[in-house]
C-alpha atoms as a PDB file:
ATOM      1  CA  MET A   1      90.872-133.029  31.002  1.00  0.00           C
ATOM      2  CA  PRO A   2      87.788-132.002  28.052  1.00  0.00           C
ATOM      3  CA  SER A   3      85.186-133.826  27.154  1.00  0.00           C
ATOM      4  CA  ILE A   4      85.418-136.175  23.807  1.00  0.00           C
ATOM      5  CA  ARG A   5      82.570-133.903  22.809  1.00  0.00           C
ATOM      6  CA  VAL A   6      84.868-130.668  22.847  1.00  0.00           C
ATOM      7  CA  ASN A   7      88.226-132.292  21.486  1.00  0.00           C
ATOM      8  CA  GLU A   8      85.303-133.791  18.543  1.00  0.00           C
ATOM      9  CA  ASN A   9      84.347-130.006  17.782  1.00  0.00           C
ATOM     10  CA  LEU A  10      88.362-128.474  17.709  1.00  0.00           C
ATOM     11  CA  HIS A  11      89.114-131.717  15.436  1.00  0.00           C
ATOM     12  CA  ILE A  12      86.363-130.741  12.705  1.00  0.00           C
ATOM     13  CA  VAL A  13      88.168-126.994  13.257  1.00  0.00           C
ATOM     14  CA  LEU A  14      91.465-128.085  12.266  1.00  0.00           C
ATOM     15  CA  TRP A  15      89.812-130.913  10.251  1.00  0.00           C
ATOM     16  CA  LEU A  16      87.728-127.565   7.958  1.00  0.00           C
ATOM     17  CA  VAL A  17      90.695-125.307   7.327  1.00  0.00           C
ATOM     18  CA  LYS A  18      93.146-128.447   6.659  1.00  0.00           C
ATOM     19  CA  ASP A  19      90.638-128.477   3.832  1.00  0.00           C
ATOM     20  CA  LEU A  20      89.052-124.995   2.910  1.00  0.00           C
ATOM     21  CA  ALA A  21      93.036-125.116   2.598  1.00  0.00           C
ATOM     22  CA  TRP A  22      93.796-127.974  -0.505  1.00  0.00           C
ATOM     23  CA  LEU A  23      90.838-126.390  -1.293  1.00  0.00           C
ATOM     24  CA  MET A  24      92.116-123.005  -2.592  1.00  0.00           C
ATOM     25  CA  GLU A  25      95.644-124.591  -3.427  1.00  0.00           C
ATOM     26  CA  LEU A  26      96.590-123.108  -0.257  1.00  0.00           C
ATOM     27  CA  ARG A  27      98.956-125.812  -0.248  1.00  0.00           C
ATOM     28  CA  ILE A  28     102.061-125.376   2.706  1.00  0.00           C
ATOM     29  CA  LEU A  29      99.055-124.420   4.872  1.00  0.00           C
ATOM     30  CA  GLY A  30      97.588-127.622   3.789  1.00  0.00           C
ATOM     31  CA  ALA A  31     100.223-129.812   5.233  1.00  0.00           C
ATOM     32  CA  VAL A  32     101.146-128.291   7.954  1.00  0.00           C
ATOM     33  CA  MET A  33      97.324-128.797   8.973  1.00  0.00           C
ATOM     34  CA  ILE A  34      97.937-132.423   8.193  1.00  0.00           C
ATOM     35  CA  PRO A  35      99.716-133.345  11.948  1.00  0.00           C
ATOM     36  CA  PRO A  36      97.689-131.266  14.175  1.00  0.00           C
ATOM     37  CA  THR A  37      94.138-133.358  12.489  1.00  0.00           C
ATOM     38  CA  LEU A  38      95.363-136.703  12.846  1.00  0.00           C
ATOM     39  CA  VAL A  39      96.729-136.276  16.171  1.00  0.00           C
ATOM     40  CA  MET A  40      93.491-134.292  17.798  1.00  0.00           C
ATOM     41  CA  ALA A  41      91.941-137.727  15.769  1.00  0.00           C
ATOM     42  CA  PHE A  42      93.853-140.296  17.437  1.00  0.00           C
ATOM     43  CA  PHE A  43      93.788-138.613  21.081  1.00  0.00           C
ATOM     44  CA  ILE A  44      90.213-138.455  20.211  1.00  0.00           C
ATOM     45  CA  ALA A  45      90.367-142.622  18.549  1.00  0.00           C
ATOM     46  CA  TRP A  46      92.390-143.037  22.273  1.00  0.00           C
ATOM     47  CA  GLN A  47      90.102-140.913  25.383  1.00  0.00           C
ATOM     48  CA  CYS A  48      87.331-143.429  24.128  1.00  0.00           C
ATOM     49  CA  ARG A  49      88.752-146.283  23.729  1.00  0.00           C
ATOM     50  CA  ALA A  50      87.271-147.557  26.370  1.00  0.00           C
ATOM     51  CA  GLU A  51      83.629-148.156  24.370  1.00  0.00           C
ATOM     52  CA  ARG A  52      84.506-150.042  21.327  1.00  0.00           C
ATOM     53  CA  ARG A  53      81.420-148.962  18.783  1.00  0.00           C
ATOM     54  CA  GLU A  54      83.099-145.032  18.974  1.00  0.00           C
ATOM     55  CA  LEU A  55      86.230-146.405  18.776  1.00  0.00           C
ATOM     56  CA  VAL A  56      85.918-147.918  15.482  1.00  0.00           C
ATOM     57  CA  HIS A  57      84.516-145.467  14.631  1.00  0.00           C
ATOM     58  CA  ALA A  58      87.513-143.034  16.357  1.00  0.00           C
ATOM     59  CA  VAL A  59      89.495-145.398  13.938  1.00  0.00           C
ATOM     60  CA  ALA A  60      87.332-145.339  10.508  1.00  0.00           C
ATOM     61  CA  VAL A  61      87.518-141.266  11.013  1.00  0.00           C
ATOM     62  CA  ILE A  62      91.726-142.052  11.816  1.00  0.00           C
ATOM     63  CA  LEU A  63      91.446-143.686   8.053  1.00  0.00           C
ATOM     64  CA  TRP A  64      89.285-141.051   6.283  1.00  0.00           C
ATOM     65  CA  ILE A  65      91.301-138.421   7.276  1.00  0.00           C
ATOM     66  CA  LEU A  66      94.820-139.668   6.302  1.00  0.00           C
ATOM     67  CA  ALA A  67      92.620-140.819   3.289  1.00  0.00           C
ATOM     68  CA  ASN A  68      91.876-137.338   2.468  1.00  0.00           C
ATOM     69  CA  SER A  69      95.457-136.293   3.210  1.00  0.00           C
ATOM     70  CA  THR A  70      97.240-138.458   0.851  1.00  0.00           C
ATOM     71  CA  TRP A  71      94.693-137.415  -1.578  1.00  0.00           C
ATOM     72  CA  MET A  72      95.580-133.302  -0.590  1.00  0.00           C
ATOM     73  CA  ILE A  73      99.449-134.505  -0.591  1.00  0.00           C
ATOM     74  CA  GLY A  74      98.818-136.003  -4.347  1.00  0.00           C
ATOM     75  CA  ASP A  75      96.607-132.667  -6.170  1.00  0.00           C
ATOM     76  CA  PHE A  76      99.683-130.678  -4.323  1.00  0.00           C
ATOM     77  CA  TYR A  77     103.593-132.728  -4.639  1.00  0.00           C
ATOM     78  CA  LEU A  78     102.709-135.084  -7.056  1.00  0.00           C
ATOM     79  CA  ASP A  79     100.863-135.598 -10.570  1.00  0.00           C
ATOM     80  CA  GLU A  80      97.846-136.669  -8.532  1.00  0.00           C
ATOM     81  CA  ARG A  81      99.196-139.701  -8.042  1.00  0.00           C
ATOM     82  CA  GLY A  82      98.660-141.270  -5.118  1.00  0.00           C
ATOM     83  CA  HIS A  83      94.998-142.334  -5.348  1.00  0.00           C
ATOM     84  CA  GLY A  84      95.864-145.858  -4.768  1.00  0.00           C
ATOM     85  CA  LEU A  85      97.552-145.575  -1.283  1.00  0.00           C
ATOM     86  CA  SER A  86      94.042-143.208  -0.685  1.00  0.00           C
ATOM     87  CA  GLN A  87      91.513-145.271  -2.127  1.00  0.00           C
ATOM     88  CA  ALA A  88      93.679-147.981   0.523  1.00  0.00           C
ATOM     89  CA  PHE A  89      92.608-145.373   2.998  1.00  0.00           C
ATOM     90  CA  PHE A  90      89.069-144.910   2.371  1.00  0.00           C
ATOM     91  CA  LEU A  91      88.779-148.430   1.847  1.00  0.00           C
ATOM     92  CA  GLY A  92      90.215-149.824   4.995  1.00  0.00           C
ATOM     93  CA  GLY A  93      87.757-147.838   6.463  1.00  0.00           C
ATOM     94  CA  LEU A  94      84.483-148.986   5.168  1.00  0.00           C
ATOM     95  CA  ALA A  95      86.154-152.875   6.089  1.00  0.00           C
ATOM     96  CA  LEU A  96      86.263-151.368   9.370  1.00  0.00           C
ATOM     97  CA  LEU A  97      82.860-150.201  10.116  1.00  0.00           C
ATOM     98  CA  ALA A  98      81.532-152.551   7.957  1.00  0.00           C
ATOM     99  CA  ALA A  99      83.599-155.879  10.150  1.00  0.00           C
ATOM    100  CA  TYR A 100      81.426-153.833  13.468  1.00  0.00           C
ATOM    101  CA  TYR A 101      77.798-153.543  11.808  1.00  0.00           C
ATOM    102  CA  LEU A 102      77.225-155.956   9.811  1.00  0.00           C
ATOM    103  CA  VAL A 103      79.074-159.253  12.272  1.00  0.00           C
ATOM    104  CA  VAL A 104      80.467-157.738  15.511  1.00  0.00           C
ATOM    105  CA  LEU A 105      77.379-156.139  16.141  1.00  0.00           C
ATOM    106  CA  PRO A 106      75.432-158.869  15.222  1.00  0.00           C
ATOM    107  CA  LEU A 107      76.784-160.816  17.130  1.00  0.00           C
ATOM    108  CA  ASP A 108      77.160-159.403  20.763  1.00  0.00           C
ATOM    109  CA  GLN A 109      73.301-158.936  20.455  1.00  0.00           C
ATOM    110  CA  ARG A 110      73.270-162.605  20.202  1.00  0.00           C
ATOM    111  CA  ARG A 111      75.056-162.753  23.334  1.00  0.00           C
ATOM    112  CA  ARG A 112      73.061-160.349  24.505  1.00  0.00           C
ATOM    113  CA  ASN A 113      69.818-162.402  23.933  1.00  0.00           C
ATOM    114  CA  ALA A 114      70.974-165.999  24.700  1.00  0.00           C
ATOM    115  CA  ARG A 115      72.528-164.048  27.984  1.00  0.00           C
ATOM    116  CA  ALA A 116      69.060-162.238  28.517  1.00  0.00           C
ATOM    117  CA  THR A 117      67.137-165.926  27.796  1.00  0.00           C
ATOM    118  CA  ASN A 118      69.574-168.008  30.866  1.00  0.00           C
ATOM    119  CA  GLY A 119      69.934-166.023  32.963  1.00  0.00           C
END
């Protein structure tokens, strides 16, 4: 099975093609690139599920792609409606990362410090 890094590199290519299609207003190509980009993002999240830090970031990337994709579809097909849903996905990703860095990570550090002191 390819390493996570190899899959991340392929994922970047898919994502860039999707966003380039958006920039160039290639509606069909942009829409067609959403599923493989998301599938690869989910696959990467699955691959790194054993490491919480990596999984949190992978899920944030999924939310970013969902935000980006709904924004693109809104621009292409809905007269720029759909920005609210896009914002919700962006905010979800930011909230996930904020919770991880401001709550989970400090708690984990305190637990490690307590074990080191008591151990």
